[in-house]
């Protein structure tokens, strides 16, 4: 929560002023891009047998556009499209588990959101999000454990109520940060070795990091 208080203070200290572009007919075009990569040298100890070193590499990438149209003052509808890829691999002398795991995901989310702004510049928005995504997970193990290799495809369906803070520092530029999210999720998964499975979950969380999205207003 301290991070968000600092963020709000930084917004209020800006010297540029403009009216928030949330009137009927206004359109927002956004673009999300994220990349994360790590490399770690690890020591694997098998008591009584051996000690081995191995290298673990992780890469996380996501990209996608968003679009919103204000159908009325302070009320917009729109959608988000995305593609994400996650890779986790081990190399070297490690023989105790998987050597490569990839997870690719793509999908779309539709939303309707209501804005509550102070002096048409800074405030909050809350809205309903309905989404679908397709996920493909592949895990490759060391040769001695290849029987545990996995290929899984999953269809995920979600409905969420989200609460964001929004700020318009410029006439054609806006920023939003997620504060809280409550969602209902349903999945249908098909695994090559285990067959079909399904499940449902309800999640509620307050964001303790800083996840920003930016839009161009026209």
C-alpha atoms as a PDB file:
ATOM      1  CA  UNK A   1       0.000   0.000   0.000  1.00  0.00           C
ATOM      2  CA  UNK A   2       2.943   2.381   0.667  1.00  0.00           C
ATOM      3  CA  UNK A   3       3.962   2.039  -2.976  1.00  0.00           C
ATOM      4  CA  UNK A   4       0.558   3.261  -4.083  1.00  0.00           C
ATOM      5  CA  UNK A   5       0.645   6.224  -1.673  1.00  0.00           C
ATOM      6  CA  UNK A   6       4.015   7.204  -3.119  1.00  0.00           C
ATOM      7  CA  UNK A   7       2.615   6.788  -6.631  1.00  0.00           C
ATOM      8  CA  UNK A   8      -0.360   9.036  -5.851  1.00  0.00           C
ATOM      9  CA  UNK A   9       1.937  11.681  -4.351  1.00  0.00           C
ATOM     10  CA  UNK A  10       4.137  11.625  -7.451  1.00  0.00           C
ATOM     11  CA  UNK A  11       1.088  12.103  -9.652  1.00  0.00           C
ATOM     12  CA  UNK A  12      -0.133  15.073  -7.624  1.00  0.00           C
ATOM     13  CA  UNK A  13       3.281  16.777  -7.795  1.00  0.00           C
ATOM     14  CA  UNK A  14       3.360  16.856 -11.591  1.00  0.00           C
ATOM     15  CA  UNK A  15       3.417  20.330 -13.113  1.00  0.00           C
ATOM     16  CA  UNK A  16       1.455  19.450 -16.233  1.00  0.00           C
ATOM     17  CA  UNK A  17      -2.315  19.807 -16.173  1.00  0.00           C
ATOM     18  CA  UNK A  18      -5.019  18.711 -18.582  1.00  0.00           C
ATOM     19  CA  UNK A  19      -8.587  17.504 -18.592  1.00  0.00           C
ATOM     20  CA  UNK A  20      -9.086  13.760 -18.403  1.00  0.00           C
ATOM     21  CA  UNK A  21     -10.232  12.356 -21.711  1.00  0.00           C
ATOM     22  CA  UNK A  22     -13.189  10.303 -20.461  1.00  0.00           C
ATOM     23  CA  UNK A  23     -16.042  11.993 -22.315  1.00  0.00           C
ATOM     24  CA  UNK A  24     -18.405  10.110 -24.612  1.00  0.00           C
ATOM     25  CA  UNK A  25     -16.836   9.286 -27.982  1.00  0.00           C
ATOM     26  CA  UNK A  26     -13.243   9.305 -26.739  1.00  0.00           C
ATOM     27  CA  UNK A  27     -11.112   6.302 -27.675  1.00  0.00           C
ATOM     28  CA  UNK A  28      -8.076   4.798 -25.927  1.00  0.00           C
ATOM     29  CA  UNK A  29      -5.380   2.689 -27.575  1.00  0.00           C
ATOM     30  CA  UNK A  30      -2.955   0.882 -25.293  1.00  0.00           C
ATOM     31  CA  UNK A  31       0.001  -1.439 -25.668  1.00  0.00           C
ATOM     32  CA  UNK A  32       1.485  -3.777 -23.068  1.00  0.00           C
ATOM     33  CA  UNK A  33       4.999  -5.212 -23.244  1.00  0.00           C
ATOM     34  CA  UNK A  34       6.865  -7.138 -20.582  1.00  0.00           C
ATOM     35  CA  UNK A  35      10.132  -9.071 -20.454  1.00  0.00           C
ATOM     36  CA  UNK A  36      11.906 -10.801 -17.570  1.00  0.00           C
ATOM     37  CA  UNK A  37      14.993 -13.003 -17.661  1.00  0.00           C
ATOM     38  CA  UNK A  38      17.215 -14.610 -15.011  1.00  0.00           C
ATOM     39  CA  UNK A  39      20.220 -16.925 -14.952  1.00  0.00           C
ATOM     40  CA  UNK A  40      21.356 -18.712 -11.805  1.00  0.00           C
ATOM     41  CA  UNK A  41      24.179 -21.120 -10.985  1.00  0.00           C
ATOM     42  CA  UNK A  42      22.924 -23.709  -8.511  1.00  0.00           C
ATOM     43  CA  UNK A  43      24.389 -26.470  -6.388  1.00  0.00           C
ATOM     44  CA  UNK A  44      22.404 -29.710  -6.173  1.00  0.00           C
ATOM     45  CA  UNK A  45      23.285 -31.973  -3.252  1.00  0.00           C
ATOM     46  CA  UNK A  46      22.052 -35.556  -3.102  1.00  0.00           C
ATOM     47  CA  UNK A  47      23.050 -36.698   0.436  1.00  0.00           C
ATOM     48  CA  UNK A  48      25.204 -39.806   0.405  1.00  0.00           C
ATOM     49  CA  UNK A  49      25.483 -39.902  -3.393  1.00  0.00           C
ATOM     50  CA  UNK A  50      26.729 -36.888  -5.282  1.00  0.00           C
ATOM     51  CA  UNK A  51      27.060 -33.127  -5.535  1.00  0.00           C
ATOM     52  CA  UNK A  52      26.337 -31.451  -8.870  1.00  0.00           C
ATOM     53  CA  UNK A  53      26.181 -27.949 -10.258  1.00  0.00           C
ATOM     54  CA  UNK A  54      23.681 -26.796 -12.868  1.00  0.00           C
ATOM     55  CA  UNK A  55      22.498 -23.603 -14.541  1.00  0.00           C
ATOM     56  CA  UNK A  56      18.865 -22.498 -14.405  1.00  0.00           C
ATOM     57  CA  UNK A  57      17.536 -19.982 -16.954  1.00  0.00           C
ATOM     58  CA  UNK A  58      14.099 -18.369 -16.825  1.00  0.00           C
ATOM     59  CA  UNK A  59      12.522 -16.101 -19.433  1.00  0.00           C
ATOM     60  CA  UNK A  60       9.069 -14.501 -19.235  1.00  0.00           C
ATOM     61  CA  UNK A  61       7.687 -12.432 -22.126  1.00  0.00           C
ATOM     62  CA  UNK A  62       4.264 -10.898 -22.795  1.00  0.00           C
ATOM     63  CA  UNK A  63       2.874  -8.524 -25.390  1.00  0.00           C
ATOM     64  CA  UNK A  64      -0.518  -7.257 -26.537  1.00  0.00           C
ATOM     65  CA  UNK A  65      -2.698  -4.259 -27.439  1.00  0.00           C
ATOM     66  CA  UNK A  66      -5.828  -2.905 -25.762  1.00  0.00           C
ATOM     67  CA  UNK A  67      -8.671  -0.719 -26.997  1.00  0.00           C
ATOM     68  CA  UNK A  68     -11.449   1.174 -25.189  1.00  0.00           C
ATOM     69  CA  UNK A  69     -14.305   3.395 -26.332  1.00  0.00           C
ATOM     70  CA  UNK A  70     -16.262   5.700 -24.014  1.00  0.00           C
ATOM     71  CA  UNK A  71     -19.909   4.996 -24.729  1.00  0.00           C
ATOM     72  CA  UNK A  72     -20.898   7.639 -22.155  1.00  0.00           C
ATOM     73  CA  UNK A  73     -19.075  10.098 -19.936  1.00  0.00           C
ATOM     74  CA  UNK A  74     -16.807   8.121 -17.561  1.00  0.00           C
ATOM     75  CA  UNK A  75     -18.010   4.760 -18.898  1.00  0.00           C
ATOM     76  CA  UNK A  76     -15.995   2.725 -21.399  1.00  0.00           C
ATOM     77  CA  UNK A  77     -16.100  -0.683 -23.051  1.00  0.00           C
ATOM     78  CA  UNK A  78     -13.285  -2.463 -24.848  1.00  0.00           C
ATOM     79  CA  UNK A  79     -10.941  -5.385 -25.048  1.00  0.00           C
ATOM     80  CA  UNK A  80      -7.419  -6.622 -24.338  1.00  0.00           C
ATOM     81  CA  UNK A  81      -5.486  -9.088 -26.497  1.00  0.00           C
ATOM     82  CA  UNK A  82      -2.299 -10.760 -25.368  1.00  0.00           C
ATOM     83  CA  UNK A  83       0.382 -13.353 -26.031  1.00  0.00           C
ATOM     84  CA  UNK A  84       2.694 -14.646 -23.307  1.00  0.00           C
ATOM     85  CA  UNK A  85       5.591 -17.076 -23.261  1.00  0.00           C
ATOM     86  CA  UNK A  86       7.400 -18.581 -20.274  1.00  0.00           C
ATOM     87  CA  UNK A  87      10.530 -20.759 -20.457  1.00  0.00           C
ATOM     88  CA  UNK A  88      12.365 -22.446 -17.589  1.00  0.00           C
ATOM     89  CA  UNK A  89      15.388 -24.652 -18.343  1.00  0.00           C
ATOM     90  CA  UNK A  90      18.147 -26.506 -16.481  1.00  0.00           C
ATOM     91  CA  UNK A  91      21.506 -27.471 -17.940  1.00  0.00           C
ATOM     92  CA  UNK A  92      24.722 -28.991 -16.611  1.00  0.00           C
ATOM     93  CA  UNK A  93      25.090 -31.910 -14.247  1.00  0.00           C
ATOM     94  CA  UNK A  94      21.628 -31.725 -12.678  1.00  0.00           C
ATOM     95  CA  UNK A  95      19.771 -35.018 -13.206  1.00  0.00           C
ATOM     96  CA  UNK A  96      16.996 -34.761 -10.642  1.00  0.00           C
ATOM     97  CA  UNK A  97      14.214 -33.196 -12.691  1.00  0.00           C
ATOM     98  CA  UNK A  98      13.047 -31.458 -15.862  1.00  0.00           C
ATOM     99  CA  UNK A  99      15.526 -29.926 -18.276  1.00  0.00           C
ATOM    100  CA  UNK A 100      13.090 -27.702 -20.153  1.00  0.00           C
ATOM    101  CA  UNK A 101       9.603 -26.305 -19.528  1.00  0.00           C
ATOM    102  CA  UNK A 102       7.740 -23.972 -21.880  1.00  0.00           C
ATOM    103  CA  UNK A 103       4.337 -22.411 -21.425  1.00  0.00           C
ATOM    104  CA  UNK A 104       2.697 -20.397 -24.217  1.00  0.00           C
ATOM    105  CA  UNK A 105      -0.547 -18.551 -23.683  1.00  0.00           C
ATOM    106  CA  UNK A 106      -2.770 -16.346 -25.844  1.00  0.00           C
ATOM    107  CA  UNK A 107      -6.234 -14.920 -25.366  1.00  0.00           C
ATOM    108  CA  UNK A 108      -8.541 -11.924 -25.066  1.00  0.00           C
ATOM    109  CA  UNK A 109     -10.555 -10.091 -22.415  1.00  0.00           C
ATOM    110  CA  UNK A 110     -13.613  -7.854 -22.809  1.00  0.00           C
ATOM    111  CA  UNK A 111     -14.510  -5.241 -20.206  1.00  0.00           C
ATOM    112  CA  UNK A 112     -16.903  -2.483 -19.132  1.00  0.00           C
ATOM    113  CA  UNK A 113     -15.572   0.092 -16.648  1.00  0.00           C
ATOM    114  CA  UNK A 114     -16.867   3.054 -14.649  1.00  0.00           C
ATOM    115  CA  UNK A 115     -14.583   6.007 -13.773  1.00  0.00           C
ATOM    116  CA  UNK A 116     -14.677   8.181 -10.631  1.00  0.00           C
ATOM    117  CA  UNK A 117     -12.299  11.126 -11.043  1.00  0.00           C
ATOM    118  CA  UNK A 118     -11.249  14.159  -9.011  1.00  0.00           C
ATOM    119  CA  UNK A 119     -11.198  17.333 -11.139  1.00  0.00           C
ATOM    120  CA  UNK A 120     -11.301  15.128 -14.237  1.00  0.00           C
ATOM    121  CA  UNK A 121      -7.677  14.157 -13.690  1.00  0.00           C
ATOM    122  CA  UNK A 122      -6.993  11.484 -11.077  1.00  0.00           C
ATOM    123  CA  UNK A 123      -9.173   8.895  -9.398  1.00  0.00           C
ATOM    124  CA  UNK A 124     -10.383   5.341  -9.610  1.00  0.00           C
ATOM    125  CA  UNK A 125     -12.172   3.035 -11.971  1.00  0.00           C
ATOM    126  CA  UNK A 126     -13.888  -0.287 -11.393  1.00  0.00           C
ATOM    127  CA  UNK A 127     -15.193  -2.716 -13.946  1.00  0.00           C
ATOM    128  CA  UNK A 128     -16.222  -6.190 -14.992  1.00  0.00           C
ATOM    129  CA  UNK A 129     -13.806  -8.280 -17.071  1.00  0.00           C
ATOM    130  CA  UNK A 130     -14.669 -11.472 -18.972  1.00  0.00           C
ATOM    131  CA  UNK A 131     -11.822 -13.390 -20.586  1.00  0.00           C
ATOM    132  CA  UNK A 132     -10.678 -16.498 -22.415  1.00  0.00           C
ATOM    133  CA  UNK A 133      -7.187 -17.825 -23.035  1.00  0.00           C
ATOM    134  CA  UNK A 134      -5.565 -20.934 -24.452  1.00  0.00           C
ATOM    135  CA  UNK A 135      -2.500 -22.365 -22.737  1.00  0.00           C
ATOM    136  CA  UNK A 136       0.020 -24.926 -24.037  1.00  0.00           C
ATOM    137  CA  UNK A 137       2.464 -26.422 -21.518  1.00  0.00           C
ATOM    138  CA  UNK A 138       5.348 -28.693 -22.499  1.00  0.00           C
ATOM    139  CA  UNK A 139       7.756 -30.300 -20.021  1.00  0.00           C
ATOM    140  CA  UNK A 140      10.796 -32.329 -21.072  1.00  0.00           C
ATOM    141  CA  UNK A 141      12.631 -34.383 -18.450  1.00  0.00           C
ATOM    142  CA  UNK A 142      16.062 -35.978 -18.384  1.00  0.00           C
ATOM    143  CA  UNK A 143      16.263 -39.162 -20.540  1.00  0.00           C
ATOM    144  CA  UNK A 144      16.027 -41.477 -17.536  1.00  0.00           C
ATOM    145  CA  UNK A 145      12.682 -39.848 -16.604  1.00  0.00           C
ATOM    146  CA  UNK A 146      11.274 -39.237 -20.078  1.00  0.00           C
ATOM    147  CA  UNK A 147       8.156 -41.182 -19.105  1.00  0.00           C
ATOM    148  CA  UNK A 148       7.171 -38.061 -17.125  1.00  0.00           C
ATOM    149  CA  UNK A 149       7.307 -35.731 -20.124  1.00  0.00           C
ATOM    150  CA  UNK A 150       4.143 -33.675 -20.339  1.00  0.00           C
ATOM    151  CA  UNK A 151       2.137 -31.980 -23.104  1.00  0.00           C
ATOM    152  CA  UNK A 152      -0.906 -30.192 -21.768  1.00  0.00           C
ATOM    153  CA  UNK A 153      -3.390 -27.858 -23.466  1.00  0.00           C
ATOM    154  CA  UNK A 154      -5.785 -25.857 -21.313  1.00  0.00           C
ATOM    155  CA  UNK A 155      -8.776 -23.598 -21.993  1.00  0.00           C
ATOM    156  CA  UNK A 156      -9.201 -20.979 -19.275  1.00  0.00           C
ATOM    157  CA  UNK A 157     -12.349 -18.889 -18.725  1.00  0.00           C
ATOM    158  CA  UNK A 158     -12.496 -16.033 -16.211  1.00  0.00           C
ATOM    159  CA  UNK A 159     -14.799 -13.364 -14.842  1.00  0.00           C
ATOM    160  CA  UNK A 160     -13.278 -10.650 -12.685  1.00  0.00           C
ATOM    161  CA  UNK A 161     -14.136  -7.443 -10.855  1.00  0.00           C
ATOM    162  CA  UNK A 162     -11.131  -5.111 -10.816  1.00  0.00           C
ATOM    163  CA  UNK A 163     -10.301  -1.869  -9.019  1.00  0.00           C
ATOM    164  CA  UNK A 164      -7.680   0.495 -10.520  1.00  0.00           C
ATOM    165  CA  UNK A 165      -6.174   3.906  -9.904  1.00  0.00           C
ATOM    166  CA  UNK A 166      -6.061   6.126 -13.020  1.00  0.00           C
ATOM    167  CA  UNK A 167      -4.243   9.339 -13.871  1.00  0.00           C
ATOM    168  CA  UNK A 168      -4.131  11.631 -16.937  1.00  0.00           C
ATOM    169  CA  UNK A 169      -0.869  13.654 -16.936  1.00  0.00           C
ATOM    170  CA  UNK A 170      -1.253  14.754 -20.572  1.00  0.00           C
ATOM    171  CA  UNK A 171      -4.089  15.410 -22.986  1.00  0.00           C
ATOM    172  CA  UNK A 172      -3.322  12.292 -25.051  1.00  0.00           C
ATOM    173  CA  UNK A 173      -1.764  10.073 -22.406  1.00  0.00           C
ATOM    174  CA  UNK A 174      -3.150   8.079 -19.463  1.00  0.00           C
ATOM    175  CA  UNK A 175      -1.759   5.711 -16.838  1.00  0.00           C
ATOM    176  CA  UNK A 176      -3.524   3.057 -14.738  1.00  0.00           C
ATOM    177  CA  UNK A 177      -2.355   0.748 -11.960  1.00  0.00           C
ATOM    178  CA  UNK A 178      -4.177  -2.297 -10.577  1.00  0.00           C
ATOM    179  CA  UNK A 179      -5.113  -2.051  -6.892  1.00  0.00           C
ATOM    180  CA  UNK A 180      -7.341  -5.079  -6.292  1.00  0.00           C
ATOM    181  CA  UNK A 181      -8.873  -7.978  -8.175  1.00  0.00           C
ATOM    182  CA  UNK A 182     -11.594 -10.534  -7.422  1.00  0.00           C
ATOM    183  CA  UNK A 183     -12.030 -13.282 -10.007  1.00  0.00           C
ATOM    184  CA  UNK A 184     -13.808 -16.538 -10.756  1.00  0.00           C
ATOM    185  CA  UNK A 185     -11.862 -18.940 -12.957  1.00  0.00           C
ATOM    186  CA  UNK A 186     -12.829 -22.122 -14.767  1.00  0.00           C
ATOM    187  CA  UNK A 187     -10.498 -24.371 -16.736  1.00  0.00           C
ATOM    188  CA  UNK A 188     -10.725 -27.392 -19.011  1.00  0.00           C
ATOM    189  CA  UNK A 189      -7.402 -29.180 -19.490  1.00  0.00           C
ATOM    190  CA  UNK A 190      -6.296 -32.057 -21.700  1.00  0.00           C
ATOM    191  CA  UNK A 191      -3.077 -33.903 -20.857  1.00  0.00           C
ATOM    192  CA  UNK A 192      -1.524 -36.460 -23.227  1.00  0.00           C
ATOM    193  CA  UNK A 193      -0.888 -39.002 -20.447  1.00  0.00           C
ATOM    194  CA  UNK A 194      -3.510 -38.127 -17.831  1.00  0.00           C
ATOM    195  CA  UNK A 195      -6.492 -37.271 -20.032  1.00  0.00           C
ATOM    196  CA  UNK A 196      -9.037 -34.507 -19.492  1.00  0.00           C
ATOM    197  CA  UNK A 197      -9.464 -32.602 -16.215  1.00  0.00           C
ATOM    198  CA  UNK A 198     -11.440 -29.535 -15.145  1.00  0.00           C
ATOM    199  CA  UNK A 199     -11.790 -27.246 -12.162  1.00  0.00           C
ATOM    200  CA  UNK A 200     -12.946 -23.917 -10.777  1.00  0.00           C
ATOM    201  CA  UNK A 201     -11.512 -21.369  -8.360  1.00  0.00           C
ATOM    202  CA  UNK A 202     -12.276 -18.010  -6.752  1.00  0.00           C
ATOM    203  CA  UNK A 203      -9.410 -15.609  -6.094  1.00  0.00           C
ATOM    204  CA  UNK A 204      -9.203 -12.270  -4.308  1.00  0.00           C
ATOM    205  CA  UNK A 205      -6.053 -10.206  -3.945  1.00  0.00           C
ATOM    206  CA  UNK A 206      -4.666  -6.748  -3.306  1.00  0.00           C
ATOM    207  CA  UNK A 207      -1.701  -5.897  -5.501  1.00  0.00           C
ATOM    208  CA  UNK A 208       1.513  -5.474  -3.506  1.00  0.00           C
ATOM    209  CA  UNK A 209       3.600  -4.619  -6.567  1.00  0.00           C
ATOM    210  CA  UNK A 210       3.269  -2.028  -9.278  1.00  0.00           C
ATOM    211  CA  UNK A 211       1.592  -3.147 -12.521  1.00  0.00           C
ATOM    212  CA  UNK A 212       1.149  -0.181 -14.859  1.00  0.00           C
ATOM    213  CA  UNK A 213      -0.708   0.129 -18.157  1.00  0.00           C
ATOM    214  CA  UNK A 214      -0.490   3.150 -20.475  1.00  0.00           C
ATOM    215  CA  UNK A 215      -2.876   4.373 -23.192  1.00  0.00           C
ATOM    216  CA  UNK A 216      -2.878   6.871 -26.034  1.00  0.00           C
ATOM    217  CA  UNK A 217      -6.074   8.939 -26.170  1.00  0.00           C
ATOM    218  CA  UNK A 218      -7.667  10.090 -29.412  1.00  0.00           C
END
